[in-house]
Amino acid sequence: MGLFGSMINKAKEQYQAQVAQMEANAERERMDDEKNMSRPSIRDLAFDTLGPAVAEQLENAKVGLLDKGLQSKFVEQIKAANVGYKEVLVLDYTIALGGDGVDGEFVQDKAYIKPALLDGTVLKEDVFVLRRDYKFDDYDEDVVGDTGNADVVSSNLYHHMYILHYFLGKKEYYAAVHPDEFKDLTPLIGELNFVEDDLGAGTGYQW
């Protein structure tokens, strides 16, 4: 065959191996996506409601002039028992880097979590993180391990956050907040409407 022929055959084999790997990755992503879409949805959960004490705390809070409208709307929703919350496990914390948008407008970094219920049941969607001030340490792989794209995880291995569910006008929001922020939502008032109101369904996770 000769040296040149051997080189060509080797290049073909490498190319075929790369194509096979790409096809395998695409098939795995498709299967992960299909599996993920069958999981429970955040939209179907029963949320606990924030109580009158939270409404009073936020109503008496000092906020900037630009935030007073949001403060009033949010307090009104709490008093009407329309603001829910759910404590969840954080399986994955992802930051989508921003930068210059296509129209020249700067796009902020955005953070999302992949949540599970406290019993370990993995949920379908990703949830927007209201603020990125809190960044979790990476999980220790020796502790968490790699259980694949599991539907149920060990509930004692993961960080916790809270998902808020609320309305501002006709728009519905789901937003994740850190436990320390949940104790006092005042600093978040000005950001309540800066939420990606689209729940994404992430794929390809390993936890």
Protein backbone atom coordinates (compact mmCIF):
# COMPACT_ATOMS: atom_id res chain seq x y z
CA MET A 1 0.00 0.00 0.00
CA GLY A 2 2.87 2.31 0.72
CA LEU A 3 3.37 5.06 3.27
CA PHE A 4 1.08 7.53 1.51
CA GLY A 5 -1.77 5.02 1.33
CA SER A 6 -1.36 4.17 5.01
CA MET A 7 -1.55 7.85 5.92
CA ILE A 8 -4.76 8.25 3.91
CA ASN A 9 -6.34 5.21 5.55
CA LYS A 10 -5.35 6.45 9.00
CA ALA A 11 -6.84 9.87 8.27
CA LYS A 12 -10.07 8.21 7.08
CA GLU A 13 -10.25 6.11 10.24
CA GLN A 14 -9.73 9.18 12.43
CA TYR A 15 -12.41 11.08 10.54
CA GLN A 16 -14.85 8.17 10.79
CA ALA A 17 -14.16 7.90 14.53
CA GLN A 18 -14.83 11.63 14.97
CA VAL A 19 -18.08 11.38 13.01
CA ALA A 20 -19.16 8.35 15.06
CA GLN A 21 -18.41 10.23 18.30
CA MET A 22 -20.37 13.29 17.13
CA GLU A 23 -23.32 11.09 16.20
CA ALA A 24 -23.15 9.32 19.57
CA ASN A 25 -23.07 12.66 21.40
CA ALA A 26 -26.03 13.94 19.38
CA GLU A 27 -28.00 10.77 20.11
CA ARG A 28 -27.21 11.01 23.81
CA GLU A 29 -28.33 14.65 23.87
CA ARG A 30 -31.54 13.71 22.08
CA MET A 31 -32.23 10.93 24.58
CA ASP A 32 -31.39 13.21 27.52
CA ASP A 33 -33.74 15.84 26.13
CA GLU A 34 -36.51 13.29 25.64
CA LYS A 35 -36.01 11.97 29.15
CA ASN A 36 -35.85 15.45 30.65
CA MET A 37 -39.14 16.50 29.07
CA SER A 38 -40.92 13.65 30.87
CA ARG A 39 -39.88 14.94 34.30
CA PRO A 40 -42.19 16.92 36.63
CA SER A 41 -42.63 20.56 35.67
CA ILE A 42 -42.12 23.50 37.99
CA ARG A 43 -45.36 24.91 36.61
CA ASP A 44 -47.29 22.00 38.12
CA LEU A 45 -45.88 22.30 41.65
CA ALA A 46 -47.85 23.43 44.67
CA PHE A 47 -46.02 26.46 46.08
CA ASP A 48 -46.23 27.69 49.66
CA THR A 49 -47.29 31.35 49.90
CA LEU A 50 -45.39 34.22 51.45
CA GLY A 51 -47.23 35.46 54.53
CA PRO A 52 -48.37 38.86 55.88
CA ALA A 53 -45.13 39.29 57.86
CA VAL A 54 -43.14 39.39 54.61
CA ALA A 55 -45.58 41.88 53.10
CA GLU A 56 -45.21 44.12 56.14
CA GLN A 57 -41.42 43.84 56.06
CA LEU A 58 -41.25 44.83 52.40
CA GLU A 59 -43.92 47.51 52.68
CA ASN A 60 -41.89 49.29 55.37
CA ALA A 61 -38.57 48.83 53.60
CA LYS A 62 -36.75 51.85 52.23
CA VAL A 63 -36.13 51.54 48.51
CA GLY A 64 -35.06 53.93 45.77
CA LEU A 65 -37.60 56.09 43.96
CA LEU A 66 -37.33 53.98 40.82
CA ASP A 67 -38.20 50.82 42.76
CA LYS A 68 -41.26 52.10 44.62
CA GLY A 69 -43.63 50.99 41.87
CA LEU A 70 -42.27 47.44 41.96
CA GLN A 71 -42.35 47.47 45.75
CA SER A 72 -46.03 48.41 45.76
CA LYS A 73 -46.98 45.79 43.13
CA PHE A 74 -45.04 43.02 44.84
CA VAL A 75 -46.45 43.77 48.30
CA GLU A 76 -49.94 43.84 46.80
CA GLN A 77 -49.36 40.39 45.29
CA ILE A 78 -48.10 39.01 48.61
CA LYS A 79 -51.15 40.36 50.45
CA ALA A 80 -53.35 38.66 47.86
CA ALA A 81 -51.50 35.37 48.51
CA ASN A 82 -50.21 35.34 44.94
CA VAL A 83 -46.50 34.99 45.68
CA GLY A 84 -45.30 31.43 46.18
CA TYR A 85 -42.01 29.85 47.12
CA LYS A 86 -40.46 26.41 47.01
CA GLU A 87 -37.19 25.26 48.57
CA VAL A 88 -35.18 23.15 46.13
CA LEU A 89 -31.86 21.40 45.66
CA VAL A 90 -29.34 22.93 43.26
CA LEU A 91 -28.00 20.22 40.96
CA ASP A 92 -26.22 22.56 38.60
CA TYR A 93 -25.38 26.28 38.64
CA THR A 94 -24.61 27.70 35.21
CA ILE A 95 -23.56 31.20 34.21
CA ALA A 96 -24.31 32.22 30.63
CA LEU A 97 -21.74 34.86 29.78
CA GLY A 98 -23.03 38.07 28.23
CA GLY A 99 -21.19 40.62 26.13
CA ASP A 100 -21.98 42.82 23.16
CA GLY A 101 -25.28 41.84 21.59
CA VAL A 102 -26.02 41.70 17.87
CA ASP A 103 -27.51 45.20 18.00
CA GLY A 104 -24.57 46.60 19.96
CA GLU A 105 -26.44 46.54 23.27
CA PHE A 106 -24.50 45.03 26.16
CA VAL A 107 -25.95 41.76 27.45
CA GLN A 108 -25.51 40.97 31.14
CA ASP A 109 -24.28 37.62 32.37
CA LYS A 110 -27.17 35.36 33.37
CA ALA A 111 -27.21 32.53 35.88
CA TYR A 112 -29.48 29.49 35.98
CA ILE A 113 -29.96 26.51 38.25
CA LYS A 114 -31.12 22.98 37.50
CA PRO A 115 -33.40 22.20 40.48
CA ALA A 116 -34.69 19.10 42.21
CA LEU A 117 -37.29 18.76 44.93
CA LEU A 118 -36.08 18.16 48.48
CA ASP A 119 -36.87 14.46 48.10
CA GLY A 120 -34.38 14.33 45.22
CA THR A 121 -36.86 14.34 42.32
CA VAL A 122 -35.27 16.15 39.38
CA LEU A 123 -37.41 18.83 37.72
CA LYS A 124 -37.68 19.54 34.01
CA GLU A 125 -36.77 23.20 33.75
CA ASP A 126 -33.83 25.48 34.40
CA VAL A 127 -34.64 28.50 36.59
CA PHE A 128 -33.21 32.00 36.28
CA VAL A 129 -31.20 33.19 39.30
CA LEU A 130 -32.36 36.64 40.37
CA ARG A 131 -28.91 37.79 41.45
CA ARG A 132 -25.47 36.34 40.83
CA ASP A 133 -23.88 37.67 44.04
CA TYR A 134 -23.89 34.17 45.50
CA LYS A 135 -21.73 31.64 43.71
CA PHE A 136 -21.60 28.13 45.06
CA ASP A 137 -18.40 26.17 45.36
CA ASP A 138 -18.10 23.37 42.84
CA TYR A 139 -19.35 20.07 44.16
CA ASP A 140 -16.72 17.59 45.25
CA GLU A 141 -16.89 14.80 42.68
CA ASP A 142 -15.69 12.33 45.33
CA VAL A 143 -18.80 13.16 47.36
CA VAL A 144 -21.45 13.73 44.71
CA GLY A 145 -20.06 11.36 42.12
CA ASP A 146 -21.42 10.99 38.62
CA THR A 147 -24.84 9.34 38.64
CA GLY A 148 -25.53 10.20 35.03
CA ASN A 149 -28.72 11.93 34.02
CA ALA A 150 -30.57 10.54 37.04
CA ASP A 151 -34.26 11.24 37.74
CA VAL A 152 -33.76 11.07 41.51
CA VAL A 153 -30.66 12.20 43.42
CA SER A 154 -29.40 11.89 47.00
CA SER A 155 -31.05 14.83 48.72
CA ASN A 156 -28.32 15.45 51.31
CA LEU A 157 -25.51 16.23 48.86
CA TYR A 158 -26.59 19.50 47.28
CA HIS A 159 -26.90 23.22 48.05
CA HIS A 160 -30.35 24.69 48.61
CA MET A 161 -32.09 27.68 47.02
CA TYR A 162 -35.65 28.99 46.89
CA ILE A 163 -37.76 29.44 43.78
CA LEU A 164 -40.14 32.40 43.88
CA HIS A 165 -43.29 32.33 41.76
CA TYR A 166 -45.06 35.65 41.27
CA PHE A 167 -46.88 37.95 38.87
CA LEU A 168 -46.19 41.57 37.99
CA GLY A 169 -49.08 42.81 35.93
CA LYS A 170 -49.91 40.05 33.47
CA LYS A 171 -46.40 38.59 33.41
CA GLU A 172 -45.58 35.43 35.32
CA TYR A 173 -42.13 34.92 36.83
CA TYR A 174 -40.09 32.10 38.32
CA ALA A 175 -36.81 33.16 39.94
CA ALA A 176 -34.27 31.43 42.18
CA VAL A 177 -32.87 33.19 45.26
CA HIS A 178 -30.22 32.22 47.80
CA PRO A 179 -31.43 31.21 51.31
CA ASP A 180 -29.84 34.35 52.81
CA GLU A 181 -31.70 36.51 50.30
CA PHE A 182 -34.94 34.69 51.04
CA LYS A 183 -34.76 35.87 54.66
CA ASP A 184 -35.00 39.48 53.47
CA LEU A 185 -36.14 40.13 49.91
CA THR A 186 -35.75 43.91 50.19
CA PRO A 187 -32.48 44.16 48.18
CA LEU A 188 -34.12 42.20 45.35
CA ILE A 189 -37.12 44.47 44.80
CA GLY A 190 -35.48 46.46 42.03
CA GLU A 191 -34.66 43.28 40.11
CA LEU A 192 -37.99 41.47 40.28
CA ASN A 193 -38.88 42.31 36.69
CA PHE A 194 -35.40 41.63 35.29
CA VAL A 195 -36.08 37.93 35.05
CA GLU A 196 -35.93 35.64 32.06
CA ASP A 197 -39.59 34.62 32.09
CA ASP A 198 -38.90 31.68 29.78
CA LEU A 199 -38.21 28.46 31.67
CA GLY A 200 -35.50 26.62 29.80
CA ALA A 201 -35.23 22.85 29.79
CA GLY A 202 -31.54 22.03 29.96
CA THR A 203 -30.08 18.77 28.68
CA GLY A 204 -26.92 16.76 29.02
CA TYR A 205 -26.53 17.22 32.76
CA GLN A 206 -24.46 14.90 34.91
CA TRP A 207 -25.08 14.85 38.65
